[in-house]
Amino acid sequence: MHAIFQYGSKQYKVKENQVIYIEKLNLEINEILIFDKIIMLIYNRNVRVGFPFINNSKIIAKVLKHGRFDKLVIVKFHRRKHYKKIQGHRQWYTKIKINNIIENG
């Protein structure tokens, strides 16, 4: 079974026992997390779409760890002006594991 859910301003397509990275959450490691804004459920060629969300469905996940992605280097450069500016950015993330997708619960 696959599901598409919304968290914040982003949408994620997941299946059971999948590990995904989402924006940083202020939760402890091994804490249980419940997503209830489910947009679409896909199972055995059956598709259920919410308007905008599916009622009585939820995704149960577990927080595995917090961390930062690799550095993204931003370079600003002007030719013939002796101008070069280098900047780095590392985004925080939370790694979660999808434990269960509950259709009517």
N, C-alpha and C. Protein backbone atom coordinates (compact mmCIF):
# COMPACT_ATOMS: atom_id res chain seq x y z
N MET A 1 0.85 -1.17 0.00
CA MET A 1 0.00 0.00 0.00
C MET A 1 0.89 1.24 0.00
N HIS A 2 0.57 2.18 -0.84
CA HIS A 2 1.26 3.46 -0.91
C HIS A 2 0.32 4.55 -0.42
N ALA A 3 0.89 5.64 0.03
CA ALA A 3 0.09 6.78 0.47
C ALA A 3 0.84 8.06 0.14
N ILE A 4 0.08 9.10 -0.12
CA ILE A 4 0.64 10.44 -0.31
C ILE A 4 0.06 11.30 0.79
N PHE A 5 0.95 11.90 1.61
CA PHE A 5 0.48 12.74 2.70
C PHE A 5 1.15 14.10 2.63
N GLN A 6 0.53 15.05 3.29
CA GLN A 6 1.05 16.41 3.32
C GLN A 6 1.55 16.71 4.72
N TYR A 7 2.77 17.24 4.79
CA TYR A 7 3.31 17.72 6.05
C TYR A 7 3.93 19.08 5.78
N GLY A 8 3.43 20.08 6.45
CA GLY A 8 3.89 21.44 6.18
C GLY A 8 3.44 21.86 4.80
N SER A 9 4.36 22.31 3.98
CA SER A 9 4.01 22.72 2.62
C SER A 9 4.48 21.70 1.59
N LYS A 10 4.89 20.49 2.04
CA LYS A 10 5.41 19.48 1.13
C LYS A 10 4.55 18.23 1.17
N GLN A 11 4.61 17.47 0.08
CA GLN A 11 3.88 16.20 -0.02
C GLN A 11 4.89 15.08 -0.21
N TYR A 12 4.62 13.93 0.42
CA TYR A 12 5.53 12.80 0.39
C TYR A 12 4.77 11.55 -0.02
N LYS A 13 5.35 10.74 -0.93
CA LYS A 13 4.79 9.46 -1.31
C LYS A 13 5.55 8.39 -0.55
N VAL A 14 4.84 7.58 0.24
CA VAL A 14 5.49 6.60 1.10
C VAL A 14 4.79 5.25 1.01
N LYS A 15 5.48 4.22 1.49
CA LYS A 15 4.89 2.90 1.68
C LYS A 15 5.35 2.40 3.04
N GLU A 16 4.77 1.31 3.51
CA GLU A 16 5.10 0.80 4.83
C GLU A 16 6.56 0.35 4.89
N ASN A 17 7.18 0.57 6.04
CA ASN A 17 8.58 0.24 6.32
C ASN A 17 9.58 1.04 5.49
N GLN A 18 9.17 2.16 4.94
CA GLN A 18 10.07 3.03 4.18
C GLN A 18 10.68 4.07 5.12
N VAL A 19 11.93 4.43 4.87
CA VAL A 19 12.62 5.46 5.64
C VAL A 19 12.72 6.70 4.77
N ILE A 20 12.27 7.85 5.30
CA ILE A 20 12.31 9.10 4.55
C ILE A 20 12.91 10.21 5.42
N TYR A 21 13.33 11.27 4.76
CA TYR A 21 13.88 12.46 5.42
C TYR A 21 12.88 13.59 5.26
N ILE A 22 12.49 14.23 6.36
CA ILE A 22 11.58 15.37 6.30
C ILE A 22 12.23 16.54 7.02
N GLU A 23 11.58 17.70 6.97
CA GLU A 23 12.11 18.87 7.65
C GLU A 23 12.21 18.60 9.15
N LYS A 24 13.12 19.29 9.81
CA LYS A 24 13.41 19.02 11.22
C LYS A 24 12.18 19.19 12.09
N LEU A 25 11.97 18.20 12.96
CA LEU A 25 10.90 18.22 13.94
C LEU A 25 11.50 18.32 15.33
N ASN A 26 10.79 18.97 16.23
CA ASN A 26 11.27 19.08 17.61
C ASN A 26 10.70 17.92 18.43
N LEU A 27 11.09 16.71 18.08
CA LEU A 27 10.66 15.51 18.78
C LEU A 27 11.88 14.72 19.21
N GLU A 28 11.68 13.86 20.20
CA GLU A 28 12.75 13.01 20.69
C GLU A 28 12.91 11.80 19.77
N ILE A 29 14.09 11.19 19.81
CA ILE A 29 14.33 9.97 19.04
C ILE A 29 13.49 8.85 19.64
N ASN A 30 12.96 7.98 18.76
CA ASN A 30 12.05 6.86 19.08
C ASN A 30 10.65 7.31 19.47
N GLU A 31 10.32 8.58 19.26
CA GLU A 31 8.98 9.06 19.54
C GLU A 31 8.07 8.73 18.34
N ILE A 32 6.81 8.42 18.63
CA ILE A 32 5.83 8.06 17.60
C ILE A 32 5.20 9.35 17.05
N LEU A 33 5.01 9.36 15.74
CA LEU A 33 4.49 10.52 15.03
C LEU A 33 3.30 10.07 14.18
N ILE A 34 2.21 10.84 14.18
CA ILE A 34 1.01 10.47 13.42
C ILE A 34 0.70 11.58 12.42
N PHE A 35 0.60 11.19 11.14
CA PHE A 35 0.20 12.12 10.07
C PHE A 35 -1.24 11.80 9.70
N ASP A 36 -2.10 12.81 9.68
CA ASP A 36 -3.50 12.57 9.36
C ASP A 36 -3.97 13.31 8.11
N LYS A 37 -3.10 14.08 7.49
CA LYS A 37 -3.46 14.78 6.25
C LYS A 37 -3.08 13.92 5.05
N ILE A 38 -3.85 12.87 4.81
CA ILE A 38 -3.56 11.93 3.74
C ILE A 38 -4.34 12.36 2.50
N ILE A 39 -3.63 12.53 1.41
CA ILE A 39 -4.21 13.01 0.16
C ILE A 39 -4.69 11.86 -0.70
N MET A 40 -3.90 10.76 -0.76
CA MET A 40 -4.23 9.65 -1.64
C MET A 40 -3.74 8.34 -1.05
N LEU A 41 -4.55 7.28 -1.21
CA LEU A 41 -4.16 5.92 -0.83
C LEU A 41 -4.20 5.06 -2.09
N ILE A 42 -3.16 4.25 -2.29
CA ILE A 42 -3.06 3.39 -3.47
C ILE A 42 -2.80 1.97 -2.98
N TYR A 43 -3.69 1.03 -3.35
CA TYR A 43 -3.51 -0.36 -2.94
C TYR A 43 -4.17 -1.29 -3.96
N ASN A 44 -3.41 -2.25 -4.49
CA ASN A 44 -3.91 -3.28 -5.42
C ASN A 44 -4.78 -2.72 -6.54
N ARG A 45 -4.29 -1.75 -7.25
CA ARG A 45 -5.00 -1.11 -8.37
C ARG A 45 -6.22 -0.30 -7.93
N ASN A 46 -6.44 -0.18 -6.65
CA ASN A 46 -7.51 0.67 -6.13
C ASN A 46 -6.89 1.98 -5.65
N VAL A 47 -7.52 3.08 -6.03
CA VAL A 47 -7.02 4.40 -5.66
C VAL A 47 -8.13 5.15 -4.95
N ARG A 48 -7.78 5.71 -3.80
CA ARG A 48 -8.74 6.51 -3.05
C ARG A 48 -8.17 7.92 -2.90
N VAL A 49 -8.91 8.90 -3.36
CA VAL A 49 -8.45 10.29 -3.37
C VAL A 49 -9.33 11.10 -2.44
N GLY A 50 -8.70 11.96 -1.62
CA GLY A 50 -9.44 12.82 -0.71
C GLY A 50 -9.72 14.18 -1.32
N PHE A 51 -10.72 14.84 -0.77
CA PHE A 51 -11.09 16.18 -1.24
C PHE A 51 -11.14 17.14 -0.06
N PRO A 52 -10.12 17.74 0.44
CA PRO A 52 -8.73 17.59 0.03
C PRO A 52 -8.03 16.42 0.73
N PHE A 53 -8.56 15.94 1.90
CA PHE A 53 -7.91 14.86 2.62
C PHE A 53 -8.88 13.70 2.84
N ILE A 54 -8.34 12.51 3.08
CA ILE A 54 -9.15 11.32 3.36
C ILE A 54 -9.43 11.27 4.85
N ASN A 55 -10.72 11.17 5.20
CA ASN A 55 -11.10 11.11 6.61
C ASN A 55 -10.80 9.74 7.19
N ASN A 56 -10.55 9.69 8.49
CA ASN A 56 -10.35 8.46 9.27
C ASN A 56 -9.17 7.62 8.78
N SER A 57 -8.18 8.23 8.20
CA SER A 57 -6.97 7.52 7.78
C SER A 57 -5.76 8.23 8.38
N LYS A 58 -4.73 7.44 8.68
CA LYS A 58 -3.54 8.05 9.26
C LYS A 58 -2.32 7.21 8.96
N ILE A 59 -1.17 7.84 9.10
CA ILE A 59 0.12 7.19 8.91
C ILE A 59 0.86 7.29 10.23
N ILE A 60 1.35 6.16 10.72
CA ILE A 60 2.09 6.12 11.97
C ILE A 60 3.57 5.94 11.64
N ALA A 61 4.40 6.84 12.17
CA ALA A 61 5.84 6.82 11.90
C ALA A 61 6.61 6.94 13.20
N LYS A 62 7.90 6.61 13.13
CA LYS A 62 8.77 6.66 14.29
C LYS A 62 10.01 7.48 13.94
N VAL A 63 10.41 8.37 14.83
CA VAL A 63 11.59 9.21 14.61
C VAL A 63 12.84 8.37 14.85
N LEU A 64 13.73 8.32 13.85
CA LEU A 64 14.97 7.55 13.97
C LEU A 64 16.15 8.41 14.39
N LYS A 65 16.33 9.57 13.74
CA LYS A 65 17.45 10.44 14.11
C LYS A 65 17.26 11.82 13.53
N HIS A 66 18.07 12.76 14.04
CA HIS A 66 18.13 14.12 13.54
C HIS A 66 19.53 14.35 12.98
N GLY A 67 19.63 15.23 12.01
CA GLY A 67 20.95 15.50 11.45
C GLY A 67 20.91 16.64 10.46
N ARG A 68 22.01 16.77 9.71
CA ARG A 68 22.11 17.80 8.68
C ARG A 68 22.58 17.16 7.40
N PHE A 69 22.05 17.65 6.28
CA PHE A 69 22.48 17.17 4.97
C PHE A 69 23.89 17.66 4.66
N ASP A 70 24.48 17.14 3.59
CA ASP A 70 25.80 17.60 3.14
C ASP A 70 25.73 19.07 2.74
N LYS A 71 26.89 19.71 2.76
CA LYS A 71 26.93 21.14 2.47
C LYS A 71 26.62 21.41 1.01
N LEU A 72 25.76 22.38 0.78
CA LEU A 72 25.43 22.88 -0.55
C LEU A 72 26.20 24.18 -0.73
N VAL A 73 27.04 24.26 -1.75
CA VAL A 73 27.89 25.43 -1.96
C VAL A 73 27.22 26.36 -2.95
N ILE A 74 27.12 27.64 -2.57
CA ILE A 74 26.53 28.67 -3.41
C ILE A 74 27.65 29.61 -3.83
N VAL A 75 27.81 29.83 -5.12
CA VAL A 75 28.88 30.69 -5.64
C VAL A 75 28.26 31.83 -6.43
N LYS A 76 28.65 33.07 -6.08
CA LYS A 76 28.26 34.24 -6.85
C LYS A 76 29.53 34.79 -7.48
N PHE A 77 29.49 35.02 -8.77
CA PHE A 77 30.70 35.39 -9.49
C PHE A 77 30.36 36.42 -10.55
N HIS A 78 31.17 37.50 -10.62
CA HIS A 78 31.07 38.48 -11.68
C HIS A 78 32.36 38.44 -12.49
N ARG A 79 32.26 38.28 -13.77
CA ARG A 79 33.47 38.21 -14.58
C ARG A 79 34.12 39.59 -14.71
N ARG A 80 35.41 39.58 -14.79
CA ARG A 80 36.23 40.79 -14.99
C ARG A 80 36.06 41.84 -13.89
N LYS A 81 35.55 41.51 -12.76
CA LYS A 81 35.36 42.50 -11.69
C LYS A 81 36.12 42.12 -10.42
N HIS A 82 36.83 41.01 -10.42
CA HIS A 82 37.50 40.49 -9.24
C HIS A 82 36.52 40.28 -8.10
N TYR A 83 35.35 39.73 -8.44
CA TYR A 83 34.30 39.51 -7.44
C TYR A 83 33.93 38.04 -7.43
N LYS A 84 34.11 37.42 -6.29
CA LYS A 84 33.67 36.04 -6.11
C LYS A 84 33.24 35.88 -4.66
N LYS A 85 32.04 35.35 -4.47
CA LYS A 85 31.52 35.16 -3.12
C LYS A 85 31.07 33.71 -3.00
N ILE A 86 31.55 33.02 -1.98
CA ILE A 86 31.20 31.62 -1.77
C ILE A 86 30.50 31.51 -0.42
N GLN A 87 29.38 30.78 -0.44
CA GLN A 87 28.59 30.62 0.76
C GLN A 87 28.13 29.17 0.83
N GLY A 88 27.98 28.62 2.03
CA GLY A 88 27.52 27.24 2.19
C GLY A 88 26.24 27.19 3.00
N HIS A 89 25.50 26.09 2.80
CA HIS A 89 24.25 25.90 3.54
C HIS A 89 24.07 24.42 3.85
N ARG A 90 23.71 24.11 5.09
CA ARG A 90 23.40 22.73 5.49
C ARG A 90 22.02 22.72 6.12
N GLN A 91 21.10 21.99 5.51
CA GLN A 91 19.71 21.93 5.96
C GLN A 91 19.54 20.86 7.04
N TRP A 92 18.79 21.18 8.09
CA TRP A 92 18.47 20.20 9.13
C TRP A 92 17.40 19.24 8.63
N TYR A 93 17.44 17.99 9.09
CA TYR A 93 16.42 17.01 8.72
C TYR A 93 16.10 16.11 9.89
N THR A 94 14.96 15.41 9.78
CA THR A 94 14.58 14.35 10.69
C THR A 94 14.35 13.10 9.87
N LYS A 95 15.00 12.02 10.25
CA LYS A 95 14.86 10.74 9.55
C LYS A 95 13.77 9.95 10.26
N ILE A 96 12.72 9.55 9.50
CA ILE A 96 11.62 8.81 10.11
C ILE A 96 11.38 7.51 9.34
N LYS A 97 10.78 6.54 10.02
CA LYS A 97 10.40 5.28 9.40
C LYS A 97 8.89 5.15 9.46
N ILE A 98 8.28 4.86 8.31
CA ILE A 98 6.83 4.68 8.24
C ILE A 98 6.52 3.28 8.76
N ASN A 99 5.85 3.19 9.90
CA ASN A 99 5.53 1.89 10.49
C ASN A 99 4.25 1.30 9.94
N ASN A 100 3.23 2.13 9.79
CA ASN A 100 1.92 1.60 9.44
C ASN A 100 1.11 2.65 8.70
N ILE A 101 0.32 2.19 7.73
CA ILE A 101 -0.64 3.05 7.04
C ILE A 101 -2.02 2.49 7.35
N ILE A 102 -2.83 3.25 8.07
CA ILE A 102 -4.15 2.79 8.50
C ILE A 102 -5.20 3.48 7.64
N GLU A 103 -6.04 2.66 6.98
CA GLU A 103 -7.00 3.23 6.04
C GLU A 103 -8.22 3.80 6.75
N ASN A 104 -8.85 3.07 7.62
CA ASN A 104 -10.05 3.54 8.33
C ASN A 104 -9.83 3.38 9.82
N GLY A 105 -9.16 4.33 10.42
CA GLY A 105 -8.88 4.15 11.84
C GLY A 105 -8.63 5.38 12.53
